[in-house]
């Protein structure tokens, strides 16, 4: 909430005690499909419609605090392996909260560098494919900027996890991973409308 982009951090809002609220919906079709070699066994999760309820507040024109609670309004699939249950019904995801501090530059200027950090709290259910049942963190560097006609953001960080073993399950083991993102937009109608990829 308050960022210039939806999925990539950036567009430092600045301000002092300036609250922002956001409701954002995203839909995934077959976001989790089980394969054996090159052959698809089918979608474990077929449809997922997630509502994000988010809030943020800026402090001292440099520090940004934020939280995001995802809620799957539609979450269904099929038991394609016999070992993994299909999700069903409404399901909460993992609550995520964090902070971002601007190290260099001024808000809404052509270039700012910030340090960001998220913490994910396991409020969701693993069997609904909305959680990993573990606390994990995501520190990142955020480079962003804008002028009257364009805006951009680049993120690079790491999702830090202790590691998870899925022995006896078709799901792979996983641990920490590098993460990144980039976004670019043209700003139109005095910045009220933006168009571009993320």
N, C-alpha and C. Protein backbone atom coordinates (compact mmCIF):
# COMPACT_ATOMS: atom_id res chain seq x y z
N UNK A 1 0.84 -1.19 0.00
CA UNK A 1 0.00 0.00 0.00
C UNK A 1 0.88 1.24 0.00
N UNK A 2 0.65 2.12 -0.97
CA UNK A 2 1.43 3.35 -1.09
C UNK A 2 2.56 3.29 -2.07
N UNK A 3 2.94 2.06 -2.49
CA UNK A 3 4.00 1.95 -3.49
C UNK A 3 3.47 2.30 -4.87
N UNK A 4 4.37 2.64 -5.77
CA UNK A 4 4.00 2.99 -7.13
C UNK A 4 3.53 1.74 -7.90
N UNK A 5 4.12 0.57 -7.58
CA UNK A 5 3.82 -0.64 -8.34
C UNK A 5 3.10 -1.66 -7.47
N UNK A 6 2.61 -2.73 -8.07
CA UNK A 6 1.84 -3.75 -7.36
C UNK A 6 2.75 -4.84 -6.77
N UNK A 7 3.63 -5.42 -7.59
CA UNK A 7 4.42 -6.57 -7.17
C UNK A 7 5.88 -6.27 -6.92
N UNK A 8 6.34 -5.10 -7.31
CA UNK A 8 7.74 -4.71 -7.16
C UNK A 8 7.79 -3.51 -6.23
N UNK A 9 8.62 -3.57 -5.20
CA UNK A 9 8.73 -2.45 -4.28
C UNK A 9 9.34 -1.25 -4.98
N UNK A 10 8.83 -0.06 -4.67
CA UNK A 10 9.40 1.15 -5.24
C UNK A 10 8.39 2.27 -5.30
N UNK A 11 8.87 3.46 -5.60
CA UNK A 11 8.00 4.62 -5.61
C UNK A 11 7.75 5.11 -4.20
N UNK A 12 8.82 5.37 -3.49
CA UNK A 12 8.80 5.79 -2.09
C UNK A 12 7.77 6.91 -1.87
N UNK A 13 6.72 6.67 -1.07
CA UNK A 13 5.69 7.69 -0.89
C UNK A 13 6.11 8.86 0.00
N UNK A 14 7.08 8.64 0.90
CA UNK A 14 7.50 9.72 1.78
C UNK A 14 6.37 10.21 2.67
N UNK A 15 6.58 11.35 3.30
CA UNK A 15 5.56 11.94 4.15
C UNK A 15 5.78 11.63 5.62
N UNK A 16 4.97 12.27 6.46
CA UNK A 16 5.05 12.09 7.91
C UNK A 16 3.68 11.69 8.41
N UNK A 17 3.59 10.48 8.97
CA UNK A 17 2.32 9.93 9.45
C UNK A 17 1.26 9.95 8.35
N UNK A 18 1.67 9.52 7.17
CA UNK A 18 0.74 9.45 6.03
C UNK A 18 0.32 8.01 5.83
N UNK A 19 -0.92 7.65 6.21
CA UNK A 19 -1.37 6.26 6.06
C UNK A 19 -1.83 5.96 4.63
N UNK A 20 -1.67 4.70 4.21
CA UNK A 20 -2.17 4.23 2.92
C UNK A 20 -2.87 2.89 3.15
N UNK A 21 -3.96 2.66 2.43
CA UNK A 21 -4.68 1.40 2.47
C UNK A 21 -4.81 0.86 1.06
N UNK A 22 -4.87 -0.48 0.93
CA UNK A 22 -4.99 -1.07 -0.40
C UNK A 22 -5.78 -2.37 -0.32
N UNK A 23 -6.66 -2.56 -1.29
CA UNK A 23 -7.30 -3.85 -1.56
C UNK A 23 -6.87 -4.23 -2.96
N UNK A 24 -6.25 -5.39 -3.09
CA UNK A 24 -5.73 -5.83 -4.38
C UNK A 24 -6.12 -7.28 -4.60
N UNK A 25 -6.68 -7.57 -5.76
CA UNK A 25 -7.02 -8.95 -6.09
C UNK A 25 -6.09 -9.49 -7.15
N UNK A 26 -5.69 -10.75 -7.02
CA UNK A 26 -4.94 -11.39 -8.10
C UNK A 26 -5.44 -12.82 -8.28
N UNK A 27 -5.40 -13.27 -9.53
CA UNK A 27 -5.93 -14.58 -9.88
C UNK A 27 -4.85 -15.41 -10.54
N UNK A 28 -4.75 -16.67 -10.14
CA UNK A 28 -3.81 -17.60 -10.76
C UNK A 28 -4.55 -18.82 -11.30
N UNK A 29 -4.30 -19.14 -12.57
CA UNK A 29 -4.87 -20.33 -13.18
C UNK A 29 -3.79 -21.39 -13.26
N UNK A 30 -4.01 -22.51 -12.60
CA UNK A 30 -3.05 -23.60 -12.50
C UNK A 30 -1.68 -23.13 -11.97
N UNK A 31 -1.66 -22.47 -10.82
CA UNK A 31 -0.38 -22.01 -10.28
C UNK A 31 0.49 -23.13 -9.73
N UNK A 32 -0.12 -24.33 -9.52
CA UNK A 32 0.66 -25.45 -8.98
C UNK A 32 0.26 -26.72 -9.72
N UNK A 33 1.13 -27.14 -10.63
CA UNK A 33 0.88 -28.33 -11.46
C UNK A 33 1.95 -29.36 -11.16
N UNK A 34 1.54 -30.62 -10.97
CA UNK A 34 2.48 -31.70 -10.69
C UNK A 34 2.91 -32.38 -11.99
N UNK A 35 4.22 -32.53 -12.16
CA UNK A 35 4.78 -33.17 -13.36
C UNK A 35 5.55 -34.42 -12.95
N UNK A 36 5.52 -35.40 -13.82
CA UNK A 36 6.42 -36.55 -13.72
C UNK A 36 7.23 -36.52 -15.00
N UNK A 37 8.50 -36.12 -14.88
CA UNK A 37 9.31 -35.89 -16.08
C UNK A 37 8.71 -34.71 -16.84
N UNK A 38 8.42 -34.90 -18.14
CA UNK A 38 7.81 -33.84 -18.94
C UNK A 38 6.30 -33.96 -19.00
N UNK A 39 5.73 -34.97 -18.34
CA UNK A 39 4.29 -35.23 -18.42
C UNK A 39 3.56 -34.59 -17.23
N UNK A 40 2.54 -33.82 -17.53
CA UNK A 40 1.72 -33.21 -16.49
C UNK A 40 0.74 -34.24 -15.93
N UNK A 41 0.72 -34.36 -14.60
CA UNK A 41 -0.26 -35.22 -13.94
C UNK A 41 -1.53 -34.46 -13.60
N UNK A 42 -1.48 -33.15 -13.73
CA UNK A 42 -2.64 -32.31 -13.47
C UNK A 42 -2.36 -31.25 -12.43
N UNK A 43 -3.30 -30.30 -12.31
CA UNK A 43 -3.12 -29.19 -11.34
C UNK A 43 -3.53 -29.57 -9.93
N UNK A 44 -2.59 -29.48 -9.00
CA UNK A 44 -2.92 -29.63 -7.59
C UNK A 44 -3.78 -28.44 -7.16
N UNK A 45 -3.35 -27.23 -7.58
CA UNK A 45 -4.15 -26.02 -7.39
C UNK A 45 -4.52 -25.53 -8.79
N UNK A 46 -5.83 -25.48 -9.07
CA UNK A 46 -6.28 -25.09 -10.41
C UNK A 46 -6.67 -23.62 -10.48
N UNK A 47 -7.44 -23.15 -9.51
CA UNK A 47 -7.88 -21.75 -9.48
C UNK A 47 -7.58 -21.16 -8.11
N UNK A 48 -7.01 -19.95 -8.13
CA UNK A 48 -6.70 -19.27 -6.88
C UNK A 48 -6.97 -17.78 -7.08
N UNK A 49 -7.98 -17.28 -6.38
CA UNK A 49 -8.29 -15.85 -6.38
C UNK A 49 -7.97 -15.31 -5.00
N UNK A 50 -6.96 -14.44 -4.93
CA UNK A 50 -6.46 -13.97 -3.64
C UNK A 50 -6.74 -12.48 -3.49
N UNK A 51 -7.32 -12.11 -2.36
CA UNK A 51 -7.53 -10.71 -2.00
C UNK A 51 -6.45 -10.33 -1.00
N UNK A 52 -5.71 -9.26 -1.31
CA UNK A 52 -4.68 -8.74 -0.40
C UNK A 52 -5.24 -7.51 0.31
N UNK A 53 -5.24 -7.55 1.63
CA UNK A 53 -5.65 -6.41 2.44
C UNK A 53 -4.36 -5.84 3.01
N UNK A 54 -4.01 -4.64 2.60
CA UNK A 54 -2.70 -4.09 2.94
C UNK A 54 -2.82 -2.68 3.50
N UNK A 55 -1.85 -2.33 4.33
CA UNK A 55 -1.79 -0.99 4.91
C UNK A 55 -0.34 -0.59 5.09
N UNK A 56 -0.10 0.70 5.05
CA UNK A 56 1.25 1.22 5.27
C UNK A 56 1.19 2.61 5.88
N UNK A 57 2.26 2.99 6.54
CA UNK A 57 2.35 4.34 7.09
C UNK A 57 3.80 4.81 7.03
N UNK A 58 3.98 6.07 6.65
CA UNK A 58 5.33 6.64 6.57
C UNK A 58 5.64 7.43 7.83
N UNK A 59 6.90 7.35 8.26
CA UNK A 59 7.36 8.06 9.44
C UNK A 59 8.63 8.84 9.10
N UNK A 60 8.71 10.05 9.57
CA UNK A 60 9.91 10.89 9.42
C UNK A 60 10.34 11.05 7.96
N UNK A 61 9.40 10.90 7.03
CA UNK A 61 9.66 11.10 5.60
C UNK A 61 10.71 10.14 5.03
N UNK A 62 11.08 9.11 5.78
CA UNK A 62 12.15 8.22 5.33
C UNK A 62 11.89 6.75 5.65
N UNK A 63 11.06 6.50 6.63
CA UNK A 63 10.79 5.14 7.07
C UNK A 63 9.36 4.77 6.70
N UNK A 64 9.19 3.58 6.13
CA UNK A 64 7.88 3.12 5.67
C UNK A 64 7.59 1.78 6.33
N UNK A 65 6.49 1.68 7.10
CA UNK A 65 6.07 0.44 7.75
C UNK A 65 4.84 -0.09 7.00
N UNK A 66 4.77 -1.41 6.82
CA UNK A 66 3.67 -1.95 6.03
C UNK A 66 3.32 -3.36 6.46
N UNK A 67 2.09 -3.77 6.11
CA UNK A 67 1.60 -5.11 6.39
C UNK A 67 0.66 -5.53 5.28
N UNK A 68 0.60 -6.84 5.04
CA UNK A 68 -0.23 -7.39 3.96
C UNK A 68 -0.78 -8.73 4.43
N UNK A 69 -2.11 -8.88 4.36
CA UNK A 69 -2.77 -10.13 4.72
C UNK A 69 -3.48 -10.69 3.50
N UNK A 70 -2.98 -11.81 2.91
CA UNK A 70 -3.65 -12.42 1.77
C UNK A 70 -4.75 -13.39 2.20
N UNK A 71 -5.83 -13.38 1.45
CA UNK A 71 -6.96 -14.26 1.73
C UNK A 71 -7.43 -14.87 0.42
N UNK A 72 -7.37 -16.19 0.32
CA UNK A 72 -7.81 -16.89 -0.90
C UNK A 72 -9.33 -17.04 -0.84
N UNK A 73 -10.03 -16.31 -1.71
CA UNK A 73 -11.48 -16.39 -1.77
C UNK A 73 -11.92 -17.61 -2.58
N UNK A 74 -11.14 -17.94 -3.60
CA UNK A 74 -11.34 -19.17 -4.38
C UNK A 74 -10.03 -19.93 -4.35
N UNK A 75 -10.08 -21.20 -3.98
CA UNK A 75 -8.86 -21.99 -3.85
C UNK A 75 -9.25 -23.45 -4.07
N UNK A 76 -9.07 -23.95 -5.30
CA UNK A 76 -9.48 -25.33 -5.57
C UNK A 76 -8.49 -26.02 -6.49
N UNK A 77 -8.61 -27.32 -6.58
CA UNK A 77 -7.73 -28.14 -7.42
C UNK A 77 -8.17 -29.58 -7.36
N UNK A 78 -7.21 -30.49 -7.55
CA UNK A 78 -7.55 -31.92 -7.53
C UNK A 78 -6.40 -32.71 -6.91
N UNK A 79 -6.74 -33.85 -6.36
CA UNK A 79 -5.76 -34.74 -5.76
C UNK A 79 -5.21 -35.64 -6.88
N UNK A 80 -4.16 -35.15 -7.55
CA UNK A 80 -3.66 -35.84 -8.74
C UNK A 80 -2.64 -36.92 -8.41
N UNK A 81 -2.08 -36.89 -7.20
CA UNK A 81 -1.02 -37.84 -6.86
C UNK A 81 -1.46 -38.90 -5.86
N UNK A 82 -2.59 -38.67 -5.21
CA UNK A 82 -2.99 -39.55 -4.12
C UNK A 82 -2.33 -39.18 -2.81
N UNK A 83 -1.29 -38.35 -2.86
CA UNK A 83 -0.55 -37.97 -1.65
C UNK A 83 -0.79 -36.53 -1.25
N UNK A 84 -1.20 -35.69 -2.20
CA UNK A 84 -1.39 -34.28 -1.92
C UNK A 84 -2.87 -33.94 -1.99
N UNK A 85 -3.47 -33.48 -0.89
CA UNK A 85 -4.89 -33.16 -0.90
C UNK A 85 -5.17 -31.91 -1.74
N UNK A 86 -6.35 -31.87 -2.35
CA UNK A 86 -6.76 -30.68 -3.10
C UNK A 86 -7.21 -29.61 -2.11
N UNK A 87 -6.88 -28.35 -2.36
CA UNK A 87 -7.39 -27.28 -1.49
C UNK A 87 -8.87 -27.04 -1.76
N UNK A 88 -9.53 -26.44 -0.81
CA UNK A 88 -10.93 -26.10 -1.02
C UNK A 88 -11.34 -25.00 -0.06
N UNK A 89 -12.26 -24.16 -0.52
CA UNK A 89 -12.83 -23.13 0.34
C UNK A 89 -11.93 -21.93 0.54
N UNK A 90 -12.41 -21.03 1.37
CA UNK A 90 -11.67 -19.81 1.71
C UNK A 90 -10.50 -20.17 2.61
N UNK A 91 -9.34 -19.55 2.36
CA UNK A 91 -8.14 -19.87 3.15
C UNK A 91 -7.30 -18.62 3.36
N UNK A 92 -6.83 -18.44 4.58
CA UNK A 92 -5.92 -17.34 4.89
C UNK A 92 -4.51 -17.69 4.44
N UNK A 93 -3.75 -16.68 4.07
CA UNK A 93 -2.35 -16.86 3.75
C UNK A 93 -1.48 -16.41 4.92
N UNK A 94 -0.19 -16.27 4.66
CA UNK A 94 0.74 -15.84 5.71
C UNK A 94 0.76 -14.31 5.81
N UNK A 95 0.52 -13.81 7.01
CA UNK A 95 0.61 -12.38 7.27
C UNK A 95 2.06 -11.95 7.07
N UNK A 96 2.25 -10.87 6.33
CA UNK A 96 3.60 -10.36 6.13
C UNK A 96 3.66 -8.90 6.56
N UNK A 97 4.69 -8.57 7.30
CA UNK A 97 4.90 -7.20 7.74
C UNK A 97 6.33 -6.81 7.49
N UNK A 98 6.58 -5.51 7.39
CA UNK A 98 7.95 -5.12 7.11
C UNK A 98 8.18 -3.63 7.24
N UNK A 99 9.39 -3.26 6.85
CA UNK A 99 9.81 -1.86 6.91
C UNK A 99 10.78 -1.60 5.77
N UNK A 100 10.80 -0.34 5.33
CA UNK A 100 11.75 0.08 4.31
C UNK A 100 12.25 1.47 4.68
N UNK A 101 13.56 1.62 4.69
CA UNK A 101 14.15 2.92 5.01
C UNK A 101 14.91 3.42 3.79
N UNK A 102 14.67 4.68 3.45
CA UNK A 102 15.36 5.31 2.32
C UNK A 102 16.74 5.75 2.76
N UNK A 103 17.77 5.21 2.10
CA UNK A 103 19.16 5.51 2.44
C UNK A 103 19.68 6.71 1.68
N UNK A 104 19.33 6.80 0.40
CA UNK A 104 19.83 7.87 -0.48
C UNK A 104 18.68 8.41 -1.32
N UNK A 105 18.73 9.72 -1.59
CA UNK A 105 17.73 10.35 -2.45
C UNK A 105 16.54 10.87 -1.67
N UNK A 106 15.64 11.52 -2.40
CA UNK A 106 14.42 12.08 -1.82
C UNK A 106 13.21 11.38 -2.41
N UNK A 107 12.11 11.36 -1.66
CA UNK A 107 10.93 10.66 -2.15
C UNK A 107 10.45 11.25 -3.47
N UNK A 108 9.98 10.35 -4.34
CA UNK A 108 9.45 10.70 -5.67
C UNK A 108 10.47 11.44 -6.53
N UNK A 109 11.77 11.19 -6.30
CA UNK A 109 12.81 11.80 -7.13
C UNK A 109 13.28 10.80 -8.17
N UNK A 110 14.24 11.20 -9.00
CA UNK A 110 14.67 10.36 -10.12
C UNK A 110 15.42 9.12 -9.67
N UNK A 111 16.05 9.15 -8.48
CA UNK A 111 16.76 7.96 -8.01
C UNK A 111 16.78 7.94 -6.48
N UNK A 112 16.30 6.84 -5.91
CA UNK A 112 16.40 6.62 -4.47
C UNK A 112 16.88 5.20 -4.23
N UNK A 113 17.63 5.00 -3.17
CA UNK A 113 18.09 3.67 -2.77
C UNK A 113 17.58 3.40 -1.37
N UNK A 114 16.92 2.26 -1.20
CA UNK A 114 16.33 1.91 0.10
C UNK A 114 16.71 0.50 0.50
N UNK A 115 16.65 0.25 1.81
CA UNK A 115 16.84 -1.09 2.36
C UNK A 115 15.49 -1.53 2.92
N UNK A 116 15.07 -2.73 2.52
CA UNK A 116 13.75 -3.21 2.88
C UNK A 116 13.85 -4.57 3.57
N UNK A 117 12.85 -4.88 4.37
CA UNK A 117 12.80 -6.20 4.99
C UNK A 117 11.37 -6.62 5.27
N UNK A 118 11.02 -7.86 4.87
CA UNK A 118 9.72 -8.46 5.17
C UNK A 118 9.92 -9.60 6.15
N UNK A 119 8.94 -9.83 7.00
CA UNK A 119 8.86 -11.03 7.82
C UNK A 119 7.50 -11.67 7.55
N UNK A 120 7.52 -12.98 7.25
CA UNK A 120 6.30 -13.73 6.97
C UNK A 120 5.95 -14.56 8.20
N UNK A 121 4.74 -14.36 8.73
CA UNK A 121 4.25 -15.08 9.90
C UNK A 121 3.30 -16.18 9.41
N UNK A 122 3.51 -17.44 9.81
CA UNK A 122 2.69 -18.54 9.27
C UNK A 122 1.28 -18.57 9.84
N UNK A 123 0.43 -17.69 9.32
CA UNK A 123 -0.98 -17.64 9.73
C UNK A 123 -1.85 -18.49 8.81
N UNK A 124 -1.30 -18.95 7.68
CA UNK A 124 -2.05 -19.77 6.74
C UNK A 124 -1.85 -21.25 6.99
N UNK A 125 -2.46 -22.05 6.15
CA UNK A 125 -2.38 -23.51 6.27
C UNK A 125 -1.61 -24.10 5.10
N UNK A 126 -0.65 -24.98 5.42
CA UNK A 126 0.17 -25.62 4.39
C UNK A 126 -0.68 -26.50 3.48
N UNK A 127 -1.67 -27.18 4.05
CA UNK A 127 -2.50 -28.08 3.24
C UNK A 127 -3.43 -27.33 2.28
N UNK A 128 -3.56 -26.01 2.47
CA UNK A 128 -4.33 -25.18 1.54
C UNK A 128 -3.40 -24.49 0.53
N UNK A 129 -2.10 -24.78 0.62
CA UNK A 129 -1.08 -24.22 -0.27
C UNK A 129 -1.03 -22.70 -0.19
N UNK A 130 -1.24 -22.19 1.04
CA UNK A 130 -1.19 -20.76 1.30
C UNK A 130 -0.11 -20.43 2.33
N UNK A 131 0.70 -21.42 2.73
CA UNK A 131 1.71 -21.21 3.76
C UNK A 131 2.77 -22.30 3.65
N UNK A 132 3.93 -22.02 4.22
CA UNK A 132 4.97 -23.05 4.34
C UNK A 132 5.14 -23.47 5.81
N UNK A 133 4.26 -22.94 6.68
CA UNK A 133 4.28 -23.27 8.11
C UNK A 133 5.59 -22.89 8.79
N UNK A 134 6.26 -21.86 8.31
CA UNK A 134 7.48 -21.41 8.97
C UNK A 134 7.63 -19.90 8.85
N UNK A 135 8.26 -19.32 9.86
CA UNK A 135 8.61 -17.90 9.79
C UNK A 135 9.80 -17.77 8.85
N UNK A 136 9.73 -16.83 7.93
CA UNK A 136 10.89 -16.55 7.08
C UNK A 136 10.96 -15.06 6.78
N UNK A 137 12.13 -14.60 6.41
CA UNK A 137 12.36 -13.18 6.17
C UNK A 137 12.91 -12.91 4.79
N UNK A 138 12.70 -11.66 4.32
CA UNK A 138 13.16 -11.30 2.99
C UNK A 138 13.76 -9.88 3.00
N UNK A 139 15.08 -9.76 3.24
CA UNK A 139 15.73 -8.46 3.10
C UNK A 139 15.99 -8.17 1.62
N UNK A 140 15.96 -6.88 1.26
CA UNK A 140 16.18 -6.52 -0.15
C UNK A 140 16.68 -5.09 -0.27
N UNK A 141 17.39 -4.83 -1.36
CA UNK A 141 17.74 -3.47 -1.76
C UNK A 141 16.75 -3.03 -2.82
N UNK A 142 16.32 -1.78 -2.75
CA UNK A 142 15.31 -1.25 -3.66
C UNK A 142 15.85 0.03 -4.30
N UNK A 143 16.00 0.02 -5.61
CA UNK A 143 16.36 1.20 -6.38
C UNK A 143 15.12 1.63 -7.14
N UNK A 144 14.71 2.88 -6.98
CA UNK A 144 13.51 3.34 -7.67
C UNK A 144 13.63 4.82 -7.98
N UNK A 145 12.75 5.28 -8.85
CA UNK A 145 12.73 6.69 -9.20
C UNK A 145 11.60 7.02 -10.15
N UNK A 146 11.38 8.30 -10.31
CA UNK A 146 10.35 8.77 -11.24
C UNK A 146 10.57 10.23 -11.57
N UNK A 147 9.98 10.65 -12.69
CA UNK A 147 9.87 12.07 -13.00
C UNK A 147 8.44 12.32 -13.48
N UNK A 148 8.21 13.34 -14.28
CA UNK A 148 6.85 13.66 -14.69
C UNK A 148 6.24 12.62 -15.62
N UNK A 149 7.08 11.86 -16.34
CA UNK A 149 6.53 10.98 -17.38
C UNK A 149 6.84 9.50 -17.23
N UNK A 150 7.82 9.12 -16.40
CA UNK A 150 8.16 7.70 -16.24
C UNK A 150 8.41 7.38 -14.77
N UNK A 151 8.29 6.09 -14.44
CA UNK A 151 8.65 5.59 -13.11
C UNK A 151 9.29 4.22 -13.30
N UNK A 152 10.20 3.86 -12.41
CA UNK A 152 10.86 2.55 -12.50
C UNK A 152 11.21 2.06 -11.10
N UNK A 153 11.45 0.77 -10.99
CA UNK A 153 11.92 0.19 -9.73
C UNK A 153 12.64 -1.12 -10.03
N UNK A 154 13.71 -1.38 -9.28
CA UNK A 154 14.47 -2.62 -9.38
C UNK A 154 14.71 -3.12 -7.95
N UNK A 155 14.41 -4.38 -7.69
CA UNK A 155 14.60 -4.99 -6.37
C UNK A 155 15.54 -6.18 -6.47
N UNK A 156 16.36 -6.38 -5.45
CA UNK A 156 17.21 -7.58 -5.36
C UNK A 156 17.34 -7.95 -3.89
N UNK A 157 17.08 -9.21 -3.59
CA UNK A 157 17.15 -9.62 -2.19
C UNK A 157 17.24 -11.12 -2.05
N UNK A 158 16.91 -11.60 -0.84
CA UNK A 158 16.99 -13.02 -0.56
C UNK A 158 15.86 -13.42 0.37
N UNK A 159 15.20 -14.51 0.02
CA UNK A 159 14.17 -15.09 0.87
C UNK A 159 14.88 -16.10 1.78
N UNK A 160 15.03 -15.76 3.04
CA UNK A 160 15.81 -16.57 3.99
C UNK A 160 14.90 -17.55 4.72
N UNK A 161 15.13 -18.84 4.50
CA UNK A 161 14.37 -19.90 5.14
C UNK A 161 15.34 -20.89 5.76
N UNK A 162 14.89 -21.58 6.79
CA UNK A 162 15.75 -22.59 7.40
C UNK A 162 15.83 -23.84 6.55
N UNK A 163 14.91 -24.00 5.58
CA UNK A 163 14.90 -25.18 4.72
C UNK A 163 13.81 -26.14 5.15
N UNK A 164 13.22 -26.78 4.17
CA UNK A 164 12.10 -27.68 4.45
C UNK A 164 12.29 -28.98 3.68
N UNK A 165 12.06 -30.09 4.36
CA UNK A 165 12.15 -31.39 3.71
C UNK A 165 10.76 -31.92 3.45
N UNK A 166 10.52 -32.36 2.23
CA UNK A 166 9.24 -32.95 1.86
C UNK A 166 9.43 -34.43 1.53
N UNK A 167 10.23 -35.11 2.35
CA UNK A 167 10.51 -36.53 2.13
C UNK A 167 9.20 -37.32 2.12
N UNK A 168 9.07 -38.21 1.16
CA UNK A 168 7.87 -39.02 1.03
C UNK A 168 6.74 -38.32 0.31
N UNK A 169 6.99 -37.08 -0.14
CA UNK A 169 5.97 -36.30 -0.84
C UNK A 169 6.45 -36.00 -2.25
N UNK A 170 5.53 -35.82 -3.21
CA UNK A 170 5.95 -35.42 -4.56
C UNK A 170 6.51 -34.00 -4.63
N UNK A 171 6.31 -33.21 -3.57
CA UNK A 171 6.82 -31.84 -3.58
C UNK A 171 8.32 -31.84 -3.35
N UNK A 172 9.04 -30.89 -4.00
CA UNK A 172 10.49 -30.82 -3.80
C UNK A 172 10.85 -30.19 -2.46
N UNK A 173 12.06 -30.47 -1.98
CA UNK A 173 12.59 -29.76 -0.83
C UNK A 173 12.93 -28.33 -1.27
N UNK A 174 12.89 -27.40 -0.33
CA UNK A 174 13.26 -26.04 -0.68
C UNK A 174 13.92 -25.37 0.51
N UNK A 175 14.67 -24.30 0.20
CA UNK A 175 15.35 -23.54 1.24
C UNK A 175 15.39 -22.08 0.85
N UNK A 176 16.48 -21.39 1.19
CA UNK A 176 16.61 -19.97 0.86
C UNK A 176 16.77 -19.78 -0.65
N UNK A 177 16.35 -18.61 -1.13
CA UNK A 177 16.45 -18.34 -2.56
C UNK A 177 16.69 -16.86 -2.81
N UNK A 178 17.35 -16.57 -3.92
CA UNK A 178 17.51 -15.20 -4.37
C UNK A 178 16.21 -14.74 -5.01
N UNK A 179 15.85 -13.48 -4.78
CA UNK A 179 14.63 -12.93 -5.36
C UNK A 179 14.95 -11.60 -6.04
N UNK A 180 14.17 -11.26 -7.03
CA UNK A 180 14.39 -10.00 -7.73
C UNK A 180 13.16 -9.59 -8.50
N UNK A 181 13.11 -8.34 -8.89
CA UNK A 181 12.00 -7.84 -9.68
C UNK A 181 12.36 -6.52 -10.31
N UNK A 182 11.62 -6.19 -11.36
CA UNK A 182 11.82 -4.91 -12.05
C UNK A 182 10.48 -4.42 -12.57
N UNK A 183 10.31 -3.12 -12.62
CA UNK A 183 9.07 -2.53 -13.12
C UNK A 183 9.39 -1.22 -13.83
N UNK A 184 8.58 -0.91 -14.83
CA UNK A 184 8.72 0.35 -15.58
C UNK A 184 7.33 0.81 -15.98
N UNK A 185 7.07 2.11 -15.89
CA UNK A 185 5.74 2.62 -16.26
C UNK A 185 5.84 4.00 -16.87
N UNK A 186 4.95 4.26 -17.82
CA UNK A 186 4.71 5.61 -18.32
C UNK A 186 3.64 6.24 -17.45
N UNK A 187 3.86 7.49 -17.03
CA UNK A 187 2.90 8.21 -16.19
C UNK A 187 2.11 9.18 -17.06
N UNK A 188 0.79 9.06 -16.97
CA UNK A 188 -0.10 9.88 -17.79
C UNK A 188 -1.08 10.63 -16.89
N UNK A 189 -1.73 11.62 -17.45
CA UNK A 189 -2.75 12.41 -16.72
C UNK A 189 -2.21 12.93 -15.41
N UNK A 190 -1.07 13.62 -15.47
CA UNK A 190 -0.42 14.18 -14.29
C UNK A 190 -0.13 13.14 -13.20
N UNK A 191 0.23 11.90 -13.63
CA UNK A 191 0.59 10.84 -12.71
C UNK A 191 -0.58 10.06 -12.16
N UNK A 192 -1.82 10.40 -12.55
CA UNK A 192 -2.99 9.67 -12.05
C UNK A 192 -3.15 8.31 -12.70
N UNK A 193 -2.54 8.12 -13.89
CA UNK A 193 -2.63 6.86 -14.61
C UNK A 193 -1.22 6.40 -14.95
N UNK A 194 -0.93 5.13 -14.76
CA UNK A 194 0.35 4.59 -15.18
C UNK A 194 0.14 3.30 -15.93
N UNK A 195 0.98 3.08 -16.94
CA UNK A 195 0.89 1.90 -17.79
C UNK A 195 2.28 1.35 -17.97
N UNK A 196 2.47 0.06 -17.67
CA UNK A 196 3.77 -0.54 -17.87
C UNK A 196 3.86 -1.92 -17.26
N UNK A 197 4.91 -2.66 -17.60
CA UNK A 197 5.07 -4.03 -17.11
C UNK A 197 5.81 -4.08 -15.77
N UNK A 198 5.60 -5.20 -15.07
CA UNK A 198 6.38 -5.50 -13.87
C UNK A 198 6.94 -6.90 -14.01
